[in-house]
Amino acid sequence: MSIARDRFRQLLESDACTLAAPIFDSLSARIAQIEGWPVCKLNGSAAKAVHLGLPDDVALANMTDLAEICRAICRDPDISLIVDADDVGGGILNVKRGIENLEAAGVCAIEVDDTSIPPTFREKDRRDARLYPIDVQVERLRSAVNARRDPATVIAARTHIFGTLPIDEASERIAAYASAGIQAIMLADISSREQICAAHAAGGLPMIIFDLAPDVVADTAFLKENGIRIRYGDQIPYHLAVRGIQLGLRRLQSGDKLADLADQALPASLMAEIAGVPELRRWEDGLKGP
């Protein structure tokens, strides 16, 4: 069991709800670690844009692409990483290979979606038509669970069904997903406390939820009672980073120098810490002989 996976398991087993840092590459993950975030969430759309220059809306990236991104982030063994793996390639054999690759890359938790990735933009909004049948999704989740080599790796059933199905039908699916041996439920498109309560009652598992309403976030008793252990929000760091790059390039085109931005530039000490210089220096010093 890795230190990072052990730490993530402890978060799932605690009574508290932890906010995950929304990261998109090794740099943002390292900064999150420096700032004291205990867990990171790799956003698929931002990661594909940053590393591959591709959109998230259609099936243009594959599991090998995602595993390589995760491997670069997890070169730092202290980073506890959750990854949105979409539908992990489709069929149960694709799921097996995808989970093996992501686990080998060092990921702590893998979200397996119950909707297929659309092949064209024309089909991307037809989420209900791309929803895997319950029995198929349960088999895919079982494949994901059985593909793990480290029992500490968390498999989470990722779903948007509360945004598309009545609560009773959505709850039936959650119960079926839980029967596959997964360790967590990841919910998106949640719009009410009733949906959260129904999901927890049906699955009885720790939950990861995207975009909780402020009143829910403030209600620690509700979070505890309904098993909400990890939450995360919009990709604000990614949007700020992209905007900063654009503005920086425009300033460069206009003739500005770094000295003109002294009040906005990163201090050299922080740049060195992000690059891991202090740790490497300690390593060097530790190898010196007597």
Protein backbone atom coordinates (compact mmCIF):
# COMPACT_ATOMS: atom_id res chain seq x y z
CA MET A 1 0.00 0.00 0.00
CA SER A 2 1.45 3.39 -0.97
CA ILE A 3 1.56 6.30 1.47
CA ALA A 4 -0.64 8.36 -0.86
CA ARG A 5 -3.29 5.63 -1.14
CA ASP A 6 -3.23 5.01 2.59
CA ARG A 7 -3.78 8.73 3.19
CA PHE A 8 -6.67 8.81 0.74
CA ARG A 9 -8.30 5.78 2.36
CA GLN A 10 -8.08 7.56 5.70
CA LEU A 11 -9.95 10.53 4.22
CA LEU A 12 -12.71 8.22 2.95
CA GLU A 13 -12.98 6.52 6.33
CA SER A 14 -13.08 9.74 8.36
CA ASP A 15 -16.19 11.69 9.31
CA ALA A 16 -14.98 14.92 7.68
CA CYS A 17 -15.56 16.21 4.16
CA THR A 18 -12.32 17.17 2.41
CA LEU A 19 -12.05 19.68 -0.42
CA ALA A 20 -9.90 18.33 -3.28
CA ALA A 21 -7.62 20.63 -5.25
CA PRO A 22 -8.73 20.81 -8.91
CA ILE A 23 -5.44 20.31 -10.75
CA PHE A 24 -4.56 19.72 -14.39
CA ASP A 25 -0.84 18.88 -14.60
CA SER A 26 2.32 18.21 -12.58
CA LEU A 27 2.90 21.90 -11.95
CA SER A 28 -0.55 22.58 -10.52
CA ALA A 29 -0.35 19.38 -8.45
CA ARG A 30 3.00 20.43 -6.97
CA ILE A 31 1.64 23.87 -6.09
CA ALA A 32 -1.40 22.25 -4.46
CA GLN A 33 0.94 20.12 -2.38
CA ILE A 34 3.00 23.15 -1.32
CA GLU A 35 -0.21 24.95 -0.34
CA GLY A 36 -1.20 22.04 1.90
CA TRP A 37 -4.02 20.37 -0.06
CA PRO A 38 -4.37 16.74 1.12
CA VAL A 39 -5.83 15.39 -2.12
CA CYS A 40 -5.89 16.40 -5.79
CA LYS A 41 -8.56 15.83 -8.44
CA LEU A 42 -7.43 15.62 -12.06
CA ASN A 43 -10.09 17.23 -14.21
CA GLY A 44 -10.38 15.42 -17.53
CA SER A 45 -11.32 18.36 -19.70
CA ALA A 46 -8.51 20.60 -18.42
CA ALA A 47 -5.94 17.80 -18.58
CA LYS A 48 -6.81 16.99 -22.19
CA ALA A 49 -6.62 20.65 -23.16
CA VAL A 50 -3.27 21.25 -21.41
CA HIS A 51 -1.46 18.05 -22.42
CA LEU A 52 -3.05 17.14 -25.74
CA GLY A 53 -4.76 20.27 -27.05
CA LEU A 54 -7.99 18.29 -27.31
CA PRO A 55 -11.58 18.88 -26.15
CA ASP A 56 -13.31 16.70 -23.58
CA ASP A 57 -16.59 16.44 -25.49
CA VAL A 58 -15.79 13.57 -27.86
CA ALA A 59 -13.65 10.41 -27.86
CA LEU A 60 -10.32 11.74 -29.10
CA ALA A 61 -8.06 10.84 -26.15
CA ASN A 62 -7.50 7.32 -24.84
CA MET A 63 -6.55 5.61 -21.58
CA THR A 64 -2.87 5.53 -22.51
CA ASP A 65 -2.92 9.32 -22.87
CA LEU A 66 -4.55 9.66 -19.45
CA ALA A 67 -2.18 7.20 -17.78
CA GLU A 68 0.85 9.14 -19.04
CA ILE A 69 -0.56 12.38 -17.63
CA CYS A 70 -1.18 10.69 -14.28
CA ARG A 71 2.25 9.09 -14.25
CA ALA A 72 3.90 12.50 -14.61
CA ILE A 73 1.84 13.89 -11.72
CA CYS A 74 2.39 10.87 -9.48
CA ARG A 75 6.15 10.93 -9.88
CA ASP A 76 5.78 12.75 -6.58
CA PRO A 77 4.71 9.81 -4.37
CA ASP A 78 3.14 12.09 -1.75
CA ILE A 79 0.36 13.31 -4.06
CA SER A 80 -3.00 11.59 -3.51
CA LEU A 81 -4.67 11.76 -6.92
CA ILE A 82 -8.28 11.14 -7.96
CA VAL A 83 -8.81 10.79 -11.70
CA ASP A 84 -11.93 10.99 -13.84
CA ALA A 85 -11.37 8.07 -16.22
CA ASP A 86 -14.55 8.59 -18.27
CA ASP A 87 -15.86 5.13 -19.23
CA VAL A 88 -12.33 3.61 -19.14
CA GLY A 89 -12.48 2.59 -22.77
CA GLY A 90 -15.82 0.80 -22.92
CA GLY A 91 -15.91 -2.98 -22.61
CA ILE A 92 -14.79 -5.06 -19.64
CA LEU A 93 -11.40 -5.91 -21.19
CA ASN A 94 -10.76 -2.26 -21.98
CA VAL A 95 -11.73 -1.42 -18.40
CA LYS A 96 -9.30 -4.03 -17.08
CA ARG A 97 -6.40 -2.60 -19.07
CA GLY A 98 -7.32 1.00 -18.27
CA ILE A 99 -7.46 0.36 -14.52
CA GLU A 100 -4.15 -1.50 -14.59
CA ASN A 101 -2.45 1.38 -16.42
CA LEU A 102 -3.87 4.08 -14.15
CA GLU A 103 -3.04 2.14 -11.01
CA ALA A 104 0.51 1.55 -12.24
CA ALA A 105 0.77 5.30 -12.85
CA GLY A 106 0.23 5.87 -9.12
CA VAL A 107 -3.41 7.03 -9.00
CA CYS A 108 -5.23 6.63 -5.65
CA ALA A 109 -8.85 6.70 -6.85
CA ILE A 110 -10.36 6.05 -10.29
CA GLU A 111 -13.83 7.25 -11.26
CA VAL A 112 -15.58 4.94 -13.76
CA ASP A 113 -18.42 6.71 -15.59
CA ASP A 114 -21.67 4.98 -16.53
CA THR A 115 -22.04 6.84 -19.83
CA SER A 116 -20.04 6.15 -22.97
CA ILE A 117 -17.92 8.87 -24.56
CA PRO A 118 -19.65 10.25 -27.68
CA PRO A 119 -17.90 9.69 -31.02
CA THR A 120 -19.19 12.98 -32.46
CA PHE A 121 -20.24 16.40 -31.18
CA ARG A 122 -23.72 15.72 -32.52
CA GLU A 123 -24.16 12.97 -29.93
CA LYS A 124 -22.51 14.60 -26.92
CA ASP A 125 -25.73 16.04 -25.46
CA ARG A 126 -27.63 12.74 -25.69
CA ARG A 127 -26.39 11.53 -22.31
CA ASP A 128 -29.46 9.35 -21.70
CA ALA A 129 -28.86 7.50 -24.97
CA ARG A 130 -25.26 6.80 -23.94
CA LEU A 131 -26.08 5.47 -20.47
CA TYR A 132 -24.89 1.90 -20.06
CA PRO A 133 -27.61 -0.61 -19.09
CA ILE A 134 -27.47 -1.44 -15.37
CA ASP A 135 -26.22 -5.00 -15.87
CA VAL A 136 -23.53 -3.85 -18.29
CA GLN A 137 -22.31 -1.12 -15.95
CA VAL A 138 -22.23 -3.48 -12.98
CA GLU A 139 -20.09 -5.90 -15.00
CA ARG A 140 -17.79 -3.02 -16.00
CA LEU A 141 -17.44 -1.97 -12.36
CA ARG A 142 -16.68 -5.56 -11.32
CA SER A 143 -14.01 -5.65 -14.00
CA ALA A 144 -12.51 -2.43 -12.59
CA VAL A 145 -12.50 -3.75 -9.01
CA ASN A 146 -10.96 -7.09 -10.01
CA ALA A 147 -8.30 -5.43 -12.16
CA ARG A 148 -6.69 -3.74 -9.16
CA ARG A 149 -3.41 -5.15 -7.95
CA ASP A 150 -3.34 -2.97 -4.86
CA PRO A 151 -6.49 -3.39 -2.72
CA ALA A 152 -5.96 0.17 -1.46
CA THR A 153 -6.77 1.59 -4.89
CA VAL A 154 -10.28 3.06 -4.78
CA ILE A 155 -12.77 2.40 -7.58
CA ALA A 156 -15.60 4.93 -7.60
CA ALA A 157 -18.76 4.65 -9.69
CA ARG A 158 -19.13 8.03 -11.38
CA THR A 159 -22.64 9.00 -12.45
CA HIS A 160 -24.82 11.90 -13.59
CA ILE A 161 -28.06 9.93 -13.31
CA PHE A 162 -29.71 12.13 -10.72
CA GLY A 163 -29.69 14.84 -13.36
CA THR A 164 -31.43 12.66 -15.94
CA LEU A 165 -33.52 9.99 -14.14
CA PRO A 166 -36.22 10.06 -11.44
CA ILE A 167 -34.87 9.52 -7.92
CA ASP A 168 -36.24 5.99 -7.60
CA GLU A 169 -34.61 4.83 -10.85
CA ALA A 170 -31.37 6.58 -10.01
CA SER A 171 -31.33 4.98 -6.55
CA GLU A 172 -31.85 1.54 -8.09
CA ARG A 173 -28.75 2.09 -10.18
CA ILE A 174 -26.69 3.28 -7.21
CA ALA A 175 -27.64 0.14 -5.26
CA ALA A 176 -26.66 -2.05 -8.19
CA TYR A 177 -23.34 -0.24 -8.61
CA ALA A 178 -22.56 -0.71 -4.91
CA SER A 179 -23.12 -4.45 -5.28
CA ALA A 180 -20.17 -4.62 -7.70
CA GLY A 181 -17.68 -4.19 -4.84
CA ILE A 182 -16.71 -0.57 -5.49
CA GLN A 183 -15.44 1.62 -2.65
CA ALA A 184 -17.12 4.97 -3.38
CA ILE A 185 -19.83 6.74 -5.37
CA MET A 186 -19.06 9.90 -7.33
CA LEU A 187 -22.06 12.14 -8.05
CA ALA A 188 -22.30 14.96 -10.56
CA ASP A 189 -25.34 17.04 -11.57
CA ILE A 190 -26.77 16.98 -8.05
CA SER A 191 -29.44 19.61 -7.49
CA SER A 192 -31.04 18.76 -4.13
CA ARG A 193 -30.42 17.30 -0.71
CA GLU A 194 -33.08 14.71 -1.45
CA GLN A 195 -30.93 13.29 -4.23
CA ILE A 196 -27.89 13.10 -1.95
CA CYS A 197 -29.86 11.33 0.79
CA ALA A 198 -31.28 8.86 -1.74
CA ALA A 199 -27.84 8.08 -3.14
CA HIS A 200 -26.37 7.48 0.30
CA ALA A 201 -29.30 5.32 1.40
CA ALA A 202 -29.06 3.23 -1.77
CA GLY A 203 -25.30 2.77 -1.87
CA GLY A 204 -24.19 3.01 1.75
CA LEU A 205 -20.71 4.04 0.56
CA PRO A 206 -18.49 7.10 0.95
CA MET A 207 -19.39 9.73 -1.63
CA ILE A 208 -17.43 12.15 -3.78
CA ILE A 209 -19.54 15.04 -5.05
CA PHE A 210 -18.90 17.77 -7.58
CA ASP A 211 -20.23 21.30 -7.09
CA LEU A 212 -22.09 21.16 -3.79
CA ALA A 213 -24.32 24.13 -2.98
CA PRO A 214 -22.88 26.55 -0.37
CA ASP A 215 -25.60 25.75 2.16
CA VAL A 216 -24.77 22.04 1.92
CA VAL A 217 -21.04 22.69 2.28
CA ALA A 218 -21.74 24.66 5.46
CA ASP A 219 -23.91 21.88 6.94
CA THR A 220 -21.22 19.63 8.38
CA ALA A 221 -23.77 17.39 10.12
CA PHE A 222 -25.51 16.70 6.80
CA LEU A 223 -22.19 15.96 5.08
CA LYS A 224 -21.23 13.50 7.82
CA GLU A 225 -24.60 11.75 7.96
CA ASN A 226 -24.68 11.22 4.20
CA GLY A 227 -21.15 9.95 3.76
CA ILE A 228 -19.85 12.92 1.74
CA ARG A 229 -16.11 12.57 2.22
CA ILE A 230 -14.60 14.36 -0.80
CA ARG A 231 -15.90 17.36 -2.69
CA TYR A 232 -14.50 19.52 -5.45
CA GLY A 233 -15.60 22.45 -7.56
CA ASP A 234 -14.96 24.28 -10.80
CA GLN A 235 -11.57 24.43 -12.49
CA ILE A 236 -10.81 27.97 -11.33
CA PRO A 237 -7.00 27.45 -11.21
CA TYR A 238 -6.99 26.20 -14.80
CA HIS A 239 -8.97 29.17 -16.08
CA LEU A 240 -6.77 31.61 -14.18
CA ALA A 241 -3.62 29.91 -15.50
CA VAL A 242 -4.79 30.02 -19.12
CA ARG A 243 -5.79 33.65 -18.77
CA GLY A 244 -2.44 34.45 -17.20
CA ILE A 245 -0.55 32.83 -20.09
CA GLN A 246 -2.60 34.76 -22.61
CA LEU A 247 -2.05 38.07 -20.83
CA GLY A 248 1.66 37.33 -20.37
CA LEU A 249 2.15 36.65 -24.08
CA ARG A 250 0.31 39.83 -24.96
CA ARG A 251 2.53 41.82 -22.58
CA LEU A 252 5.58 40.26 -24.19
CA GLN A 253 4.34 41.23 -27.64
CA SER A 254 3.91 44.80 -26.45
CA GLY A 255 7.56 44.97 -25.40
CA ASP A 256 7.31 44.38 -21.64
CA LYS A 257 10.20 42.77 -19.74
CA LEU A 258 10.04 40.57 -16.66
CA ALA A 259 11.43 43.47 -14.65
CA ASP A 260 8.29 45.43 -15.55
CA LEU A 261 6.23 42.77 -13.78
CA ALA A 262 8.34 42.52 -10.64
CA ASP A 263 5.31 42.94 -8.39
CA GLN A 264 3.52 40.03 -10.11
CA ALA A 265 6.40 37.63 -10.81
CA LEU A 266 6.90 34.55 -8.64
CA PRO A 267 9.72 34.78 -6.11
CA ALA A 268 12.75 32.69 -7.00
CA SER A 269 12.36 30.65 -3.81
CA LEU A 270 8.85 29.54 -4.77
CA MET A 271 9.92 28.68 -8.32
CA ALA A 272 12.70 26.53 -6.89
CA GLU A 273 10.31 24.80 -4.48
CA ILE A 274 7.85 24.02 -7.29
CA ALA A 275 10.69 22.49 -9.29
CA GLY A 276 11.74 20.38 -6.30
CA VAL A 277 15.16 22.00 -5.85
CA PRO A 278 15.22 21.91 -2.00
CA GLU A 279 14.33 18.20 -1.97
CA LEU A 280 17.00 17.39 -4.58
CA ARG A 281 19.59 19.36 -2.63
CA ARG A 282 18.74 17.37 0.51
CA TRP A 283 19.14 14.20 -1.53
CA GLU A 284 22.55 15.33 -2.74
CA ASP A 285 23.67 16.20 0.74
CA GLY A 286 22.50 12.84 2.07
CA LEU A 287 24.71 11.00 -0.39
CA LYS A 288 27.90 12.71 0.74
CA GLY A 289 30.32 10.40 2.41
CA PRO A 290 31.81 10.97 5.87
